[in-house]
């Protein structure tokens, strides 16, 4: 009896999903996630395409003539071999993605419904890119090599509210909330390398460790690209989110 009920509910659920898909298709609509909430956004495909093109133009993102994935894969392999003080030879094969591919933009777009004109927040899934595994490895290495002071992080807005509730303030105090527009695509790669070098030197890391860390970091940061509508793009300045 329970099995029959489950099958009936599943069929109804599948039927409703198919009905929704048909409605979206007939009206040239698509789904997207809302930024900073769990809301689903139903948006016209042409409107979404226009928002994506606006984002690409405003952030000086360059169109690439071809897919650079194979070239980037070779760069990663060479960098891993060269950085022998950071990586052990027996784990090299575990730091290289097999059959890598460029991250897709359209599958992870979020719409900023809380802002004027509802711009997009493009989020790239880089799991299958050439640099993904070595980037995760280097991130762990950097945490051991550099101990940054005054590192404050918070999980979510609820956590912030709890922490602020414990702060003693008076009428002379001011709370300032700052937001950076399109943070990731505006991060200067050379400045990131310069800051990393400063902290490596501060913690008295050897020249070899410093040089190899910076070299590997630069290779990873420059492999910043995505594909959209069967075309390939790369930011001129920052990195993709």
Protein backbone atom coordinates (compact mmCIF):
# COMPACT_ATOMS: atom_id res chain seq x y z
CA UNK A 1 0.00 0.00 0.00
CA UNK A 2 2.78 2.41 0.93
CA UNK A 3 4.65 1.57 -2.28
CA UNK A 4 1.60 2.32 -4.45
CA UNK A 5 1.09 5.65 -2.69
CA UNK A 6 4.74 6.55 -3.19
CA UNK A 7 4.58 5.68 -6.90
CA UNK A 8 1.42 7.78 -7.32
CA UNK A 9 2.98 10.80 -5.63
CA UNK A 10 6.14 10.39 -7.70
CA UNK A 11 4.12 10.32 -10.94
CA UNK A 12 2.21 13.45 -9.91
CA UNK A 13 5.43 15.19 -8.99
CA UNK A 14 7.01 14.25 -12.32
CA UNK A 15 3.88 15.36 -14.18
CA UNK A 16 3.96 18.77 -12.46
CA UNK A 17 7.64 19.18 -13.29
CA UNK A 18 7.01 18.38 -16.94
CA UNK A 19 4.13 20.86 -17.00
CA UNK A 20 6.37 23.57 -15.56
CA UNK A 21 9.10 22.82 -18.11
CA UNK A 22 6.59 23.05 -20.95
CA UNK A 23 5.26 26.40 -19.67
CA UNK A 24 8.79 27.79 -19.42
CA UNK A 25 9.69 26.56 -22.89
CA UNK A 26 6.54 27.91 -24.54
CA UNK A 27 7.09 31.35 -23.02
CA UNK A 28 10.86 31.53 -23.65
CA UNK A 29 11.56 31.51 -19.92
CA UNK A 30 14.28 29.91 -17.82
CA UNK A 31 15.12 29.40 -14.15
CA UNK A 32 17.91 31.02 -12.17
CA UNK A 33 18.87 31.29 -8.51
CA UNK A 34 18.38 34.46 -6.51
CA UNK A 35 21.54 35.86 -4.98
CA UNK A 36 21.66 35.82 -1.15
CA UNK A 37 18.44 33.81 -0.82
CA UNK A 38 16.97 30.42 -1.66
CA UNK A 39 14.41 31.92 -4.02
CA UNK A 40 14.04 30.71 -7.58
CA UNK A 41 13.85 33.38 -10.28
CA UNK A 42 11.84 32.90 -13.46
CA UNK A 43 13.34 35.14 -16.13
CA UNK A 44 12.98 35.66 -19.87
CA UNK A 45 15.88 34.03 -21.74
CA UNK A 46 16.54 37.13 -23.82
CA UNK A 47 16.61 39.30 -20.69
CA UNK A 48 19.08 36.94 -19.02
CA UNK A 49 21.25 36.90 -22.13
CA UNK A 50 21.28 40.70 -22.15
CA UNK A 51 22.32 40.77 -18.47
CA UNK A 52 25.18 38.35 -19.20
CA UNK A 53 26.39 40.44 -22.13
CA UNK A 54 26.23 43.57 -19.96
CA UNK A 55 28.31 41.88 -17.28
CA UNK A 56 30.91 40.81 -19.85
CA UNK A 57 31.16 44.32 -21.31
CA UNK A 58 31.25 46.20 -18.00
CA UNK A 59 33.99 44.00 -16.54
CA UNK A 60 36.30 44.12 -19.58
CA UNK A 61 36.16 40.39 -20.20
CA UNK A 62 38.06 39.28 -23.31
CA UNK A 63 36.71 36.90 -25.91
CA UNK A 64 39.12 34.04 -26.67
CA UNK A 65 39.51 32.62 -30.15
CA UNK A 66 39.56 29.01 -28.97
CA UNK A 67 39.29 26.77 -25.93
CA UNK A 68 42.56 27.11 -23.93
CA UNK A 69 41.91 24.05 -21.74
CA UNK A 70 44.57 21.80 -23.34
CA UNK A 71 47.17 24.58 -23.12
CA UNK A 72 46.30 25.23 -19.48
CA UNK A 73 46.52 21.52 -18.72
CA UNK A 74 50.09 21.48 -20.05
CA UNK A 75 50.96 24.53 -17.94
CA UNK A 76 49.65 22.80 -14.81
CA UNK A 77 51.61 19.63 -15.49
CA UNK A 78 54.82 21.59 -16.05
CA UNK A 79 54.26 23.73 -12.93
CA UNK A 80 53.68 20.71 -10.71
CA UNK A 81 56.91 19.08 -11.91
CA UNK A 82 58.86 22.31 -11.46
CA UNK A 83 57.61 22.98 -7.90
CA UNK A 84 59.32 19.96 -6.35
CA UNK A 85 59.65 21.64 -2.93
CA UNK A 86 55.87 22.00 -2.67
CA UNK A 87 54.67 18.72 -4.14
CA UNK A 88 55.91 15.18 -3.63
CA UNK A 89 56.45 13.21 -6.81
CA UNK A 90 54.24 10.32 -5.72
CA UNK A 91 51.15 12.57 -5.47
CA UNK A 92 51.58 14.38 -8.80
CA UNK A 93 48.98 12.24 -10.54
CA UNK A 94 46.43 13.13 -7.86
CA UNK A 95 46.91 16.86 -8.50
CA UNK A 96 46.01 16.71 -12.19
CA UNK A 97 42.43 16.65 -13.49
CA UNK A 98 41.81 13.90 -16.05
CA UNK A 99 39.87 15.12 -19.09
CA UNK A 100 39.53 18.73 -17.90
CA UNK A 101 37.02 21.16 -19.38
CA UNK A 102 36.21 24.86 -19.25
CA UNK A 103 33.68 25.94 -16.59
CA UNK A 104 30.26 26.90 -17.91
CA UNK A 105 28.74 30.25 -17.02
CA UNK A 106 25.05 29.79 -17.76
CA UNK A 107 24.50 26.87 -15.36
CA UNK A 108 25.39 28.81 -12.20
CA UNK A 109 24.07 32.33 -12.73
CA UNK A 110 22.47 34.08 -9.77
CA UNK A 111 20.22 37.14 -10.10
CA UNK A 112 20.69 39.98 -7.59
CA UNK A 113 17.01 40.61 -6.95
CA UNK A 114 17.88 42.91 -4.03
CA UNK A 115 19.68 45.43 -6.27
CA UNK A 116 18.55 47.97 -8.86
CA UNK A 117 18.15 46.61 -12.40
CA UNK A 118 18.71 43.11 -10.96
CA UNK A 119 22.23 42.42 -12.28
CA UNK A 120 23.68 38.91 -12.30
CA UNK A 121 26.29 37.24 -10.12
CA UNK A 122 28.09 34.69 -12.29
CA UNK A 123 29.37 31.70 -10.30
CA UNK A 124 31.71 29.27 -12.05
CA UNK A 125 31.94 25.59 -11.18
CA UNK A 126 35.67 24.97 -11.64
CA UNK A 127 35.63 21.36 -10.43
CA UNK A 128 36.67 20.00 -13.83
CA UNK A 129 39.16 22.71 -14.81
CA UNK A 130 42.89 21.93 -15.15
CA UNK A 131 43.83 23.96 -12.06
CA UNK A 132 41.12 22.77 -9.66
CA UNK A 133 42.97 20.04 -7.77
CA UNK A 134 46.32 21.82 -7.55
CA UNK A 135 44.52 25.01 -6.43
CA UNK A 136 42.93 23.15 -3.50
CA UNK A 137 46.32 21.66 -2.64
CA UNK A 138 48.09 25.03 -2.77
CA UNK A 139 45.36 26.62 -0.65
CA UNK A 140 46.11 24.13 2.16
CA UNK A 141 49.83 24.72 1.73
CA UNK A 142 49.42 28.49 2.03
CA UNK A 143 47.48 28.13 5.27
CA UNK A 144 50.48 26.29 6.73
CA UNK A 145 53.06 28.66 5.24
CA UNK A 146 51.31 31.90 6.20
CA UNK A 147 49.46 32.68 9.41
CA UNK A 148 47.54 35.86 8.64
CA UNK A 149 46.77 38.09 11.65
CA UNK A 150 43.42 39.71 12.32
CA UNK A 151 41.53 37.13 10.28
CA UNK A 152 37.84 37.56 10.96
CA UNK A 153 35.29 35.49 9.10
CA UNK A 154 31.61 34.86 9.65
CA UNK A 155 29.31 32.12 8.47
CA UNK A 156 26.14 34.08 7.69
CA UNK A 157 24.06 37.14 8.61
CA UNK A 158 22.52 35.34 11.59
CA UNK A 159 25.99 34.78 13.04
CA UNK A 160 26.83 38.46 12.51
CA UNK A 161 23.66 39.50 14.36
CA UNK A 162 24.66 37.31 17.30
CA UNK A 163 28.16 38.77 17.43
CA UNK A 164 26.93 42.37 17.16
CA UNK A 165 24.52 41.74 20.02
CA UNK A 166 27.49 41.09 22.30
CA UNK A 167 29.27 44.34 21.41
CA UNK A 168 28.94 47.25 23.81
CA UNK A 169 28.24 50.43 21.82
CA UNK A 170 27.16 53.98 22.63
CA UNK A 171 25.86 57.01 20.75
CA UNK A 172 29.38 57.92 19.58
CA UNK A 173 29.97 54.61 17.79
CA UNK A 174 29.24 54.08 14.13
CA UNK A 175 28.82 50.82 12.22
CA UNK A 176 29.91 50.93 8.59
CA UNK A 177 28.83 48.33 6.03
CA UNK A 178 30.96 48.20 2.86
CA UNK A 179 30.26 46.29 -0.32
CA UNK A 180 32.51 45.83 -3.35
CA UNK A 181 30.84 45.66 -6.73
CA UNK A 182 31.87 42.51 -8.64
CA UNK A 183 34.73 41.80 -6.23
CA UNK A 184 36.28 38.77 -7.91
CA UNK A 185 36.58 40.18 -11.41
CA UNK A 186 38.29 43.25 -9.94
CA UNK A 187 40.97 41.45 -7.94
CA UNK A 188 44.38 42.48 -9.37
CA UNK A 189 46.44 39.32 -9.87
CA UNK A 190 49.81 41.07 -9.59
CA UNK A 191 48.80 42.61 -6.28
CA UNK A 192 47.74 39.19 -5.00
CA UNK A 193 51.19 37.84 -5.88
CA UNK A 194 52.90 40.85 -4.30
CA UNK A 195 50.97 40.46 -1.03
CA UNK A 196 51.62 36.72 -0.92
CA UNK A 197 55.33 37.35 -1.42
CA UNK A 198 55.33 39.87 1.43
CA UNK A 199 53.84 37.38 3.90
CA UNK A 200 56.06 34.52 2.77
CA UNK A 201 59.11 36.72 3.36
CA UNK A 202 57.73 37.90 6.69
CA UNK A 203 57.52 34.31 7.92
CA UNK A 204 61.11 33.70 6.76
CA UNK A 205 60.33 31.13 4.11
CA UNK A 206 63.27 30.09 1.95
CA UNK A 207 63.76 31.66 -1.46
CA UNK A 208 63.00 28.35 -3.15
CA UNK A 209 59.70 27.89 -1.31
CA UNK A 210 58.73 31.51 -1.98
CA UNK A 211 59.61 31.35 -5.68
CA UNK A 212 57.82 28.05 -6.28
CA UNK A 213 54.74 29.15 -4.34
CA UNK A 214 54.46 32.38 -6.32
CA UNK A 215 55.09 30.61 -9.61
CA UNK A 216 52.41 28.00 -8.97
CA UNK A 217 49.97 30.62 -7.68
CA UNK A 218 50.45 32.76 -10.78
CA UNK A 219 49.87 29.80 -13.11
CA UNK A 220 46.63 29.00 -11.28
CA UNK A 221 45.35 32.59 -11.17
CA UNK A 222 45.98 33.12 -14.87
CA UNK A 223 43.88 30.08 -15.72
CA UNK A 224 40.83 32.18 -15.17
CA UNK A 225 38.34 31.58 -17.94
CA UNK A 226 34.85 30.29 -18.72
CA UNK A 227 32.65 29.24 -21.59
CA UNK A 228 29.30 30.72 -22.47
CA UNK A 229 27.13 30.11 -25.53
CA UNK A 230 29.88 27.94 -27.13
CA UNK A 231 32.39 30.78 -26.76
CA UNK A 232 35.33 31.24 -24.38
CA UNK A 233 36.08 34.30 -22.26
CA UNK A 234 38.70 35.52 -19.81
CA UNK A 235 38.73 38.58 -17.50
CA UNK A 236 41.56 41.03 -18.21
CA UNK A 237 42.06 41.98 -14.56
CA UNK A 238 40.57 39.75 -11.89
CA UNK A 239 39.37 36.19 -11.51
CA UNK A 240 36.06 34.42 -12.03
CA UNK A 241 33.97 33.57 -8.99
